[in-house]
Amino acid sequence: MIGFKSAITVLLLLAINIGCARQHQIHILKVGNVENWNKWREKNTSVRPNLSDAHLEGAFLSGANFSGANLSETHFDSANLVKASLVGANLEGVFLTRAHLDSANFASAHLLGAHLEGAHLLGAHFLGADLDSAHLEGADLEGAHLLGADLRGVHLDSADLLRADLEGAHLDSAHLEGADLDSAHLQGGDLLGANLEGARLQGAELWRTELWGADLQEADLRGADLQEADLREADLREAHLWGAELWGAHLLGADLDSAHLQGTDLREAHLRDAHLWGAHLQGVRLLGADFEGADLRKADLWGADFEGADLQKADLRGTNLGEAHLGKADFEGADLEGAIFVKTDISKVKSFYKAKLDPDMLSEIKVTWPEKLATVWNDTKQDWVIDTALLEKIKQPDWHGWPEGKDQGK
């Protein structure tokens, strides 16, 4: 039976041997002998290398096999790790600042709080990787594969993610201020509360992406696909959305003040209680869109298509509706004081019931289309009906509009 002192001696010798082996491994890597390192990994597949806190700054390690290795807080700053395999590796708190990692494989790796500022990661693979709170400010991730990656709270300010694949990625509360995401694939991703202020997203695929409460101030979303995206309460002030696809998008309570939406497709979009003060919506397609309670004051909607749009209780004071298409649009309770109707055909509007209109416009409607002031929605019939009793009152010479502060039309 081994005595206590003998056991201690054995453990000390084992620790020394492990330490010596570790130092030998680090030496092999420091001199850039990747071939010997990879051969050793092939012969010792059951061994998980522990290189935590090792200093390998500037080392040439292109193609090195670090799969499953413990590299927590290892220093790889400015190292060459092009095409390196880091599959399943522990890279928590690792230092890879300005490292060359083009085409490296980080699949299922753990990079919690990792430092990759200014790193070169063109075409790198991060399938299923955990990058929670990692620092990638100014990193080059052009064409990187981040499918389903965990990027919650990640710092990607000013990073290059041109054509990157982020489909289904988790980017809750991510920092992407000034990042380049042109033509990136983000469909089905989660960007809840993410900061994308001033980010470039031209032609990005954001179909059904979760952007609730995201900061997209002054973001460039020209030509982006945001169909059915969740943009509730998102901040899109002064955002550039020329030609973007927003069919069926959810923009309830979103702030689009002074946003540029020329030529945008907003058919069937949900804009209830949204803020669009001074927004540029010339030529926008708004068929069937819901603007109930929206603030559209001084917005420019010249030539916009409102076919079947719901504008109940919307604030349209001073809005430019010149040459707009208003067929079957519902303006019940809307405030249209000061709105511009130059060359606008209002003959096909569904309802102006309880709407606030300038005296001249109100008089024109009363004389020419009085039924539009008495058309109301009947919940029982689930159809529009004309309140005949109200219509008779409207036709009277002494009727000049809805009484303020009263239940009008009764």
Protein backbone atom coordinates (compact mmCIF):
# COMPACT_ATOMS: atom_id res chain seq x y z
CA MET A 1 0.00 0.00 0.00
CA ILE A 2 1.40 3.38 -1.02
CA GLY A 3 2.15 5.63 1.97
CA PHE A 4 0.96 9.21 2.29
CA LYS A 5 4.37 10.70 1.49
CA SER A 6 4.73 8.42 -1.51
CA ALA A 7 1.33 9.50 -2.84
CA ILE A 8 2.30 13.16 -2.46
CA THR A 9 5.55 12.48 -4.32
CA VAL A 10 3.67 10.78 -7.16
CA LEU A 11 1.26 13.71 -7.47
CA LEU A 12 4.13 16.21 -7.49
CA LEU A 13 5.94 14.27 -10.20
CA LEU A 14 2.73 14.05 -12.22
CA ALA A 15 2.19 17.82 -11.89
CA ILE A 16 5.79 18.47 -12.97
CA ASN A 17 5.36 16.17 -15.97
CA ILE A 18 2.10 17.91 -16.93
CA GLY A 19 3.76 21.29 -16.53
CA CYS A 20 6.72 20.21 -18.63
CA ALA A 21 4.37 18.82 -21.29
CA ARG A 22 2.45 22.09 -21.32
CA GLN A 23 5.63 24.13 -21.70
CA HIS A 24 6.77 21.83 -24.50
CA GLN A 25 3.41 22.27 -26.28
CA ILE A 26 3.62 26.04 -25.92
CA HIS A 27 7.20 26.02 -27.27
CA ILE A 28 6.11 24.02 -30.35
CA LEU A 29 3.39 26.56 -31.03
CA LYS A 30 5.58 29.59 -30.38
CA VAL A 31 8.07 28.53 -33.04
CA GLY A 32 5.15 27.92 -35.41
CA ASN A 33 5.70 24.18 -35.81
CA VAL A 34 2.07 23.52 -36.70
CA GLU A 35 2.83 20.24 -38.48
CA ASN A 36 4.31 18.64 -35.33
CA TRP A 37 1.47 20.04 -33.23
CA ASN A 38 -1.21 18.57 -35.48
CA LYS A 39 0.60 15.19 -35.59
CA TRP A 40 0.71 15.12 -31.79
CA ARG A 41 -3.05 15.93 -31.69
CA GLU A 42 -3.73 13.04 -34.08
CA LYS A 43 -1.82 10.60 -31.87
CA ASN A 44 -3.34 11.88 -28.61
CA THR A 45 -6.99 12.30 -29.47
CA SER A 46 -8.10 11.68 -25.88
CA VAL A 47 -5.93 14.50 -24.50
CA ARG A 48 -7.52 17.93 -24.17
CA PRO A 49 -4.71 20.49 -24.36
CA ASN A 50 -4.74 23.15 -21.67
CA LEU A 51 -3.18 26.33 -22.98
CA SER A 52 -5.11 28.75 -20.82
CA ASP A 53 -3.31 32.04 -20.17
CA ALA A 54 -0.45 31.04 -22.51
CA HIS A 55 1.28 33.82 -24.43
CA LEU A 56 1.31 33.15 -28.17
CA GLU A 57 1.15 36.70 -29.48
CA GLY A 58 2.09 36.98 -33.14
CA ALA A 59 2.62 33.21 -33.54
CA PHE A 60 2.18 31.61 -36.97
CA LEU A 61 -0.46 28.94 -36.37
CA SER A 62 -2.28 28.73 -39.71
CA GLY A 63 -4.22 25.48 -39.95
CA ALA A 64 -3.53 24.48 -36.32
CA ASN A 65 -5.89 22.02 -34.67
CA PHE A 66 -7.19 23.47 -31.41
CA SER A 67 -10.47 21.54 -31.41
CA GLY A 68 -11.74 21.02 -27.86
CA ALA A 69 -8.70 22.73 -26.34
CA ASN A 70 -8.84 24.93 -23.26
CA LEU A 71 -7.76 28.34 -24.55
CA SER A 72 -9.42 30.51 -21.94
CA GLU A 73 -7.61 33.83 -21.59
CA THR A 74 -4.88 32.64 -23.96
CA HIS A 75 -3.04 35.52 -25.67
CA PHE A 76 -3.19 35.21 -29.47
CA ASP A 77 -3.02 38.92 -30.29
CA SER A 78 -1.88 39.49 -33.91
CA ALA A 79 -1.35 35.73 -34.35
CA ASN A 80 -1.94 33.97 -37.67
CA LEU A 81 -4.71 31.40 -37.19
CA VAL A 82 -5.99 31.31 -40.75
CA LYS A 83 -8.03 28.12 -41.33
CA ALA A 84 -7.38 27.01 -37.75
CA SER A 85 -9.80 24.51 -36.21
CA LEU A 86 -11.28 25.77 -32.94
CA VAL A 87 -14.33 23.51 -32.94
CA GLY A 88 -15.76 23.14 -29.44
CA ALA A 89 -12.80 24.96 -27.89
CA ASN A 90 -13.07 26.92 -24.67
CA LEU A 91 -12.16 30.48 -25.68
CA GLU A 92 -13.70 32.37 -22.81
CA GLY A 93 -11.88 35.66 -22.34
CA VAL A 94 -9.35 34.76 -25.07
CA PHE A 95 -7.26 37.57 -26.56
CA LEU A 96 -7.42 37.54 -30.37
CA THR A 97 -7.11 41.26 -31.02
CA ARG A 98 -6.05 41.94 -34.62
CA ALA A 99 -5.49 38.20 -35.14
CA HIS A 100 -5.79 36.69 -38.62
CA LEU A 101 -8.59 34.12 -38.48
CA ASP A 102 -9.89 34.04 -42.05
CA SER A 103 -11.83 30.79 -42.70
CA ALA A 104 -11.19 29.60 -39.12
CA ASN A 105 -13.75 27.16 -37.72
CA PHE A 106 -15.32 28.17 -34.38
CA ALA A 107 -18.29 25.80 -34.57
CA SER A 108 -19.77 25.17 -31.10
CA ALA A 109 -16.88 27.08 -29.50
CA HIS A 110 -17.34 29.07 -26.29
CA LEU A 111 -16.23 32.68 -26.71
CA LEU A 112 -17.91 34.32 -23.75
CA GLY A 113 -16.32 37.74 -23.27
CA ALA A 114 -13.65 36.99 -25.88
CA HIS A 115 -11.54 39.83 -27.30
CA LEU A 116 -11.51 39.89 -31.11
CA GLU A 117 -11.27 43.64 -31.68
CA GLY A 118 -10.03 44.36 -35.19
CA ALA A 119 -9.66 40.65 -35.96
CA HIS A 120 -9.72 39.35 -39.54
CA LEU A 121 -12.50 36.76 -39.79
CA LEU A 122 -13.40 36.66 -43.47
CA GLY A 123 -15.49 33.56 -44.14
CA ALA A 124 -14.99 32.26 -40.59
CA HIS A 125 -17.45 29.63 -39.32
CA PHE A 126 -19.32 30.20 -36.03
CA LEU A 127 -22.12 27.66 -36.40
CA GLY A 128 -23.72 27.29 -32.96
CA ALA A 129 -20.90 29.21 -31.26
CA ASP A 130 -21.44 31.13 -28.02
CA LEU A 131 -20.19 34.73 -28.43
CA ASP A 132 -22.18 36.19 -25.57
CA SER A 133 -20.72 39.62 -24.65
CA ALA A 134 -17.69 39.08 -26.90
CA HIS A 135 -15.79 42.11 -28.22
CA LEU A 136 -15.55 42.30 -32.02
CA GLU A 137 -15.41 46.06 -32.50
CA GLY A 138 -14.02 46.87 -35.92
CA ALA A 139 -13.60 43.18 -36.80
CA ASP A 140 -13.79 42.03 -40.43
CA LEU A 141 -16.48 39.33 -40.65
CA GLU A 142 -17.25 39.67 -44.34
CA GLY A 143 -18.99 36.52 -45.53
CA ALA A 144 -18.72 34.93 -42.07
CA HIS A 145 -21.06 32.08 -41.16
CA LEU A 146 -22.88 32.82 -37.88
CA LEU A 147 -25.96 30.66 -38.42
CA GLY A 148 -27.76 30.21 -35.10
CA ALA A 149 -24.86 31.69 -33.12
CA ASP A 150 -25.40 33.19 -29.67
CA LEU A 151 -24.40 36.85 -30.01
CA ARG A 152 -26.38 38.30 -27.13
CA GLY A 153 -24.82 41.50 -25.87
CA VAL A 154 -21.95 41.14 -28.36
CA HIS A 155 -19.95 44.25 -29.26
CA LEU A 156 -19.81 44.60 -33.04
CA ASP A 157 -19.62 48.38 -33.35
CA SER A 158 -18.13 49.41 -36.72
CA ALA A 159 -17.61 45.74 -37.63
CA ASP A 160 -17.74 44.59 -41.26
CA LEU A 161 -20.46 41.95 -41.69
CA LEU A 162 -20.96 42.38 -45.41
CA ARG A 163 -22.84 39.34 -46.78
CA ALA A 164 -22.48 37.56 -43.43
CA ASP A 165 -24.91 34.73 -42.69
CA LEU A 166 -26.67 35.47 -39.39
CA GLU A 167 -29.85 33.53 -40.07
CA GLY A 168 -31.53 32.58 -36.80
CA ALA A 169 -28.73 34.18 -34.75
CA HIS A 170 -29.44 35.56 -31.28
CA LEU A 171 -28.42 39.22 -31.16
CA ASP A 172 -30.51 40.45 -28.23
CA SER A 173 -29.10 43.75 -26.92
CA ALA A 174 -26.16 43.46 -29.34
CA HIS A 175 -24.05 46.54 -30.05
CA LEU A 176 -23.91 47.09 -33.82
CA GLU A 177 -23.59 50.86 -34.02
CA GLY A 178 -22.09 51.84 -37.36
CA ALA A 179 -21.65 48.19 -38.42
CA ASP A 180 -21.74 47.22 -42.11
CA LEU A 181 -24.43 44.57 -42.65
CA ASP A 182 -25.05 45.22 -46.33
CA SER A 183 -26.58 42.13 -48.00
CA ALA A 184 -26.32 40.22 -44.70
CA HIS A 185 -28.69 37.32 -44.03
CA LEU A 186 -30.57 37.97 -40.78
CA GLN A 187 -33.91 36.33 -41.50
CA GLY A 188 -35.53 34.84 -38.42
CA GLY A 189 -32.84 36.36 -36.22
CA ASP A 190 -33.43 37.88 -32.80
CA LEU A 191 -32.27 41.51 -32.42
CA LEU A 192 -34.51 42.47 -29.53
CA GLY A 193 -33.30 45.83 -28.19
CA ALA A 194 -30.18 45.76 -30.36
CA ASN A 195 -28.31 49.00 -31.09
CA LEU A 196 -28.01 49.46 -34.86
CA GLU A 197 -27.76 53.23 -34.90
CA GLY A 198 -26.16 54.37 -38.14
CA ALA A 199 -25.62 50.78 -39.30
CA ARG A 200 -25.56 49.86 -42.98
CA LEU A 201 -28.17 47.25 -43.93
CA GLN A 202 -28.62 47.85 -47.65
CA GLY A 203 -30.25 44.84 -49.27
CA ALA A 204 -30.11 42.92 -45.98
CA GLU A 205 -32.50 40.01 -45.53
CA LEU A 206 -34.49 40.65 -42.35
CA TRP A 207 -37.62 38.69 -43.19
CA ARG A 208 -39.51 37.84 -39.97
CA THR A 209 -36.62 39.15 -37.90
CA GLU A 210 -37.26 40.18 -34.29
CA LEU A 211 -36.34 43.88 -33.93
CA TRP A 212 -38.67 44.90 -31.15
CA GLY A 213 -37.31 48.03 -29.44
CA ALA A 214 -34.19 48.05 -31.62
CA ASP A 215 -32.33 51.33 -32.18
CA LEU A 216 -32.15 51.91 -35.93
CA GLN A 217 -31.72 55.68 -35.92
CA GLU A 218 -30.21 56.88 -39.19
CA ALA A 219 -29.65 53.27 -40.25
CA ASP A 220 -29.34 52.60 -43.98
CA LEU A 221 -32.00 50.00 -44.86
CA ARG A 222 -32.37 50.82 -48.53
CA GLY A 223 -33.74 47.83 -50.42
CA ALA A 224 -33.78 45.69 -47.27
CA ASP A 225 -36.30 42.86 -46.96
CA LEU A 226 -38.24 43.48 -43.73
CA GLN A 227 -41.39 41.60 -44.65
CA GLU A 228 -43.31 40.53 -41.53
CA ALA A 229 -40.43 41.76 -39.36
CA ASP A 230 -41.27 42.69 -35.77
CA LEU A 231 -40.33 46.37 -35.40
CA ARG A 232 -42.66 47.23 -32.58
CA GLU A 233 -41.46 50.30 -30.66
CA ALA A 234 -38.29 50.35 -32.75
CA ASP A 235 -36.49 53.68 -33.18
CA LEU A 236 -36.25 54.39 -36.92
CA ARG A 237 -35.90 58.15 -36.77
CA GLU A 238 -34.24 59.51 -39.91
CA ALA A 239 -33.63 55.94 -41.11
CA HIS A 240 -33.17 55.41 -44.84
CA LEU A 241 -35.69 52.86 -46.12
CA TRP A 242 -35.93 53.72 -49.82
CA GLY A 243 -37.39 50.78 -51.71
CA ALA A 244 -37.44 48.54 -48.63
CA GLU A 245 -39.91 45.65 -48.42
CA LEU A 246 -42.07 46.11 -45.31
CA TRP A 247 -45.10 44.08 -46.38
CA GLY A 248 -46.94 42.90 -43.26
CA ALA A 249 -44.27 44.36 -40.96
CA HIS A 250 -45.22 45.04 -37.34
CA LEU A 251 -44.46 48.69 -36.54
CA LEU A 252 -46.88 49.32 -33.67
CA GLY A 253 -45.64 52.29 -31.69
CA ALA A 254 -42.47 52.55 -33.78
CA ASP A 255 -40.80 55.94 -34.16
CA LEU A 256 -40.31 56.82 -37.83
CA ASP A 257 -40.12 60.58 -37.47
CA SER A 258 -38.36 62.11 -40.51
CA ALA A 259 -37.63 58.63 -41.87
CA HIS A 260 -37.06 58.22 -45.61
CA LEU A 261 -39.57 55.67 -46.94
CA GLN A 262 -39.88 56.72 -50.57
CA GLY A 263 -41.05 53.85 -52.77
CA THR A 264 -41.33 51.50 -49.81
CA ASP A 265 -43.78 48.58 -49.80
CA LEU A 266 -45.88 48.90 -46.63
CA ARG A 267 -48.85 46.85 -47.78
CA GLU A 268 -50.73 45.23 -44.90
CA ALA A 269 -48.20 46.75 -42.49
CA HIS A 270 -49.21 47.35 -38.87
CA LEU A 271 -48.48 50.99 -37.98
CA ARG A 272 -51.00 51.54 -35.23
CA ASP A 273 -49.87 54.40 -32.93
CA ALA A 274 -46.62 54.74 -34.89
CA HIS A 275 -44.84 58.11 -35.10
CA LEU A 276 -44.26 59.34 -38.65
CA TRP A 277 -43.95 63.08 -38.10
CA GLY A 278 -42.32 64.65 -41.14
CA ALA A 279 -41.64 61.23 -42.69
CA HIS A 280 -40.97 60.96 -46.42
CA LEU A 281 -43.50 58.53 -47.89
CA GLN A 282 -43.77 59.65 -51.50
CA GLY A 283 -45.07 56.91 -53.78
CA VAL A 284 -45.33 54.39 -50.93
CA ARG A 285 -47.60 51.36 -51.28
CA LEU A 286 -49.92 51.31 -48.26
CA LEU A 287 -52.70 49.02 -49.44
CA GLY A 288 -54.52 47.64 -46.42
CA ALA A 289 -52.04 49.16 -43.96
CA ASP A 290 -53.23 49.91 -40.41
CA PHE A 291 -52.45 53.50 -39.36
CA GLU A 292 -55.04 53.77 -36.60
CA GLY A 293 -53.90 56.41 -34.11
CA ALA A 294 -50.65 57.02 -36.01
CA ASP A 295 -48.97 60.44 -35.98
CA LEU A 296 -48.44 61.49 -39.60
CA ARG A 297 -48.23 65.23 -39.06
CA LYS A 298 -46.43 67.04 -41.87
CA ALA A 299 -45.51 63.74 -43.51
CA ASP A 300 -45.06 63.80 -47.29
CA LEU A 301 -47.37 61.20 -48.84
CA TRP A 302 -47.47 62.60 -52.37
CA GLY A 303 -48.66 59.90 -54.74
CA ALA A 304 -48.90 57.27 -51.99
CA ASP A 305 -51.33 54.37 -52.48
CA PHE A 306 -53.73 54.13 -49.49
CA GLU A 307 -56.10 51.60 -51.07
CA GLY A 308 -58.13 50.13 -48.19
CA ALA A 309 -55.85 51.63 -45.51
CA ASP A 310 -57.13 52.12 -41.96
CA LEU A 311 -56.45 55.72 -40.82
CA GLN A 312 -58.95 55.89 -37.99
CA LYS A 313 -58.02 58.55 -35.45
CA ALA A 314 -54.72 59.18 -37.25
CA ASP A 315 -53.15 62.62 -36.92
CA LEU A 316 -52.68 63.92 -40.47
CA ARG A 317 -52.45 67.63 -39.76
CA GLY A 318 -50.43 69.40 -42.42
CA THR A 319 -49.81 66.12 -44.26
CA ASN A 320 -49.17 66.23 -48.00
CA LEU A 321 -51.68 63.90 -49.67
CA GLY A 322 -51.31 65.36 -53.15
CA GLU A 323 -52.15 62.85 -55.91
CA ALA A 324 -52.54 60.13 -53.28
CA HIS A 325 -54.74 57.14 -54.05
CA LEU A 326 -57.37 56.94 -51.30
CA GLY A 327 -59.74 54.27 -52.60
CA LYS A 328 -61.66 52.64 -49.74
CA ALA A 329 -59.44 54.39 -47.16
CA ASP A 330 -61.02 54.83 -43.72
CA PHE A 331 -60.49 58.30 -42.17
CA GLU A 332 -62.97 57.90 -39.33
CA GLY A 333 -62.05 60.28 -36.51
CA ALA A 334 -58.82 61.32 -38.29
CA ASP A 335 -57.47 64.86 -37.92
CA LEU A 336 -56.95 66.24 -41.44
CA GLU A 337 -56.76 69.93 -40.63
CA GLY A 338 -54.27 71.64 -42.91
CA ALA A 339 -53.80 68.48 -45.01
CA ILE A 340 -52.95 69.06 -48.66
CA PHE A 341 -55.21 67.36 -51.24
CA VAL A 342 -53.79 68.81 -54.48
CA LYS A 343 -54.96 66.69 -57.45
CA THR A 344 -56.24 64.06 -55.02
CA ASP A 345 -59.33 62.05 -55.87
CA ILE A 346 -61.34 61.65 -52.66
CA SER A 347 -64.44 60.31 -54.39
CA LYS A 348 -63.52 56.73 -53.51
CA VAL A 349 -62.71 57.31 -49.83
CA LYS A 350 -64.74 54.92 -47.68
CA SER A 351 -65.44 57.16 -44.69
CA PHE A 352 -64.79 60.64 -43.27
CA TYR A 353 -67.07 59.97 -40.30
CA LYS A 354 -66.12 62.30 -37.38
CA ALA A 355 -62.98 63.40 -39.25
CA LYS A 356 -61.62 66.90 -38.62
CA LEU A 357 -61.42 68.73 -41.94
CA ASP A 358 -60.71 72.26 -43.09
CA PRO A 359 -63.99 74.19 -43.72
CA ASP A 360 -63.54 74.27 -47.50
CA MET A 361 -62.85 70.53 -47.71
CA LEU A 362 -65.76 69.76 -45.37
CA SER A 363 -68.11 71.88 -47.49
CA GLU A 364 -66.97 70.18 -50.70
CA ILE A 365 -67.56 66.71 -49.24
CA LYS A 366 -70.93 67.74 -47.75
CA VAL A 367 -72.15 68.98 -51.13
CA THR A 368 -70.65 66.30 -53.37
CA TRP A 369 -70.29 63.14 -51.26
CA PRO A 370 -72.32 63.61 -48.03
CA GLU A 371 -72.64 59.85 -47.59
CA LYS A 372 -68.89 59.67 -46.82
CA LEU A 373 -69.53 61.69 -43.67
CA ALA A 374 -72.23 59.25 -42.56
CA THR A 375 -70.59 55.92 -43.46
CA VAL A 376 -69.84 53.86 -40.36
CA TRP A 377 -68.66 50.33 -39.61
CA ASN A 378 -71.36 48.02 -38.28
CA ASP A 379 -69.90 45.36 -35.98
CA THR A 380 -73.06 43.26 -36.13
CA LYS A 381 -73.18 43.16 -39.91
CA GLN A 382 -69.39 43.24 -40.22
CA ASP A 383 -69.81 45.71 -43.04
CA TRP A 384 -69.95 49.42 -43.83
CA VAL A 385 -73.38 51.04 -43.59
CA ILE A 386 -74.73 54.55 -44.12
CA ASP A 387 -76.37 56.09 -41.06
CA THR A 388 -79.43 57.46 -42.87
CA ALA A 389 -80.60 59.59 -39.94
CA LEU A 390 -77.18 61.19 -39.68
CA LEU A 391 -77.04 61.68 -43.44
CA GLU A 392 -80.24 63.71 -43.33
CA LYS A 393 -78.77 65.95 -40.60
CA ILE A 394 -75.57 66.46 -42.62
CA LYS A 395 -77.61 67.62 -45.63
CA GLN A 396 -79.22 70.39 -43.60
CA PRO A 397 -77.94 73.95 -44.30
CA ASP A 398 -77.12 74.51 -40.62
CA TRP A 399 -74.80 71.46 -40.29
CA HIS A 400 -71.18 72.60 -40.35
CA GLY A 401 -69.28 69.70 -38.86
CA TRP A 402 -68.95 67.64 -35.73
CA PRO A 403 -69.53 69.44 -32.41
CA GLU A 404 -66.38 69.52 -30.31
CA GLY A 405 -66.40 67.40 -27.17
CA LYS A 406 -69.71 65.73 -27.97
CA ASP A 407 -70.77 62.34 -29.22
CA GLN A 408 -71.00 63.51 -32.81
CA GLY A 409 -73.62 62.15 -35.14
CA LYS A 410 -76.06 61.15 -32.42
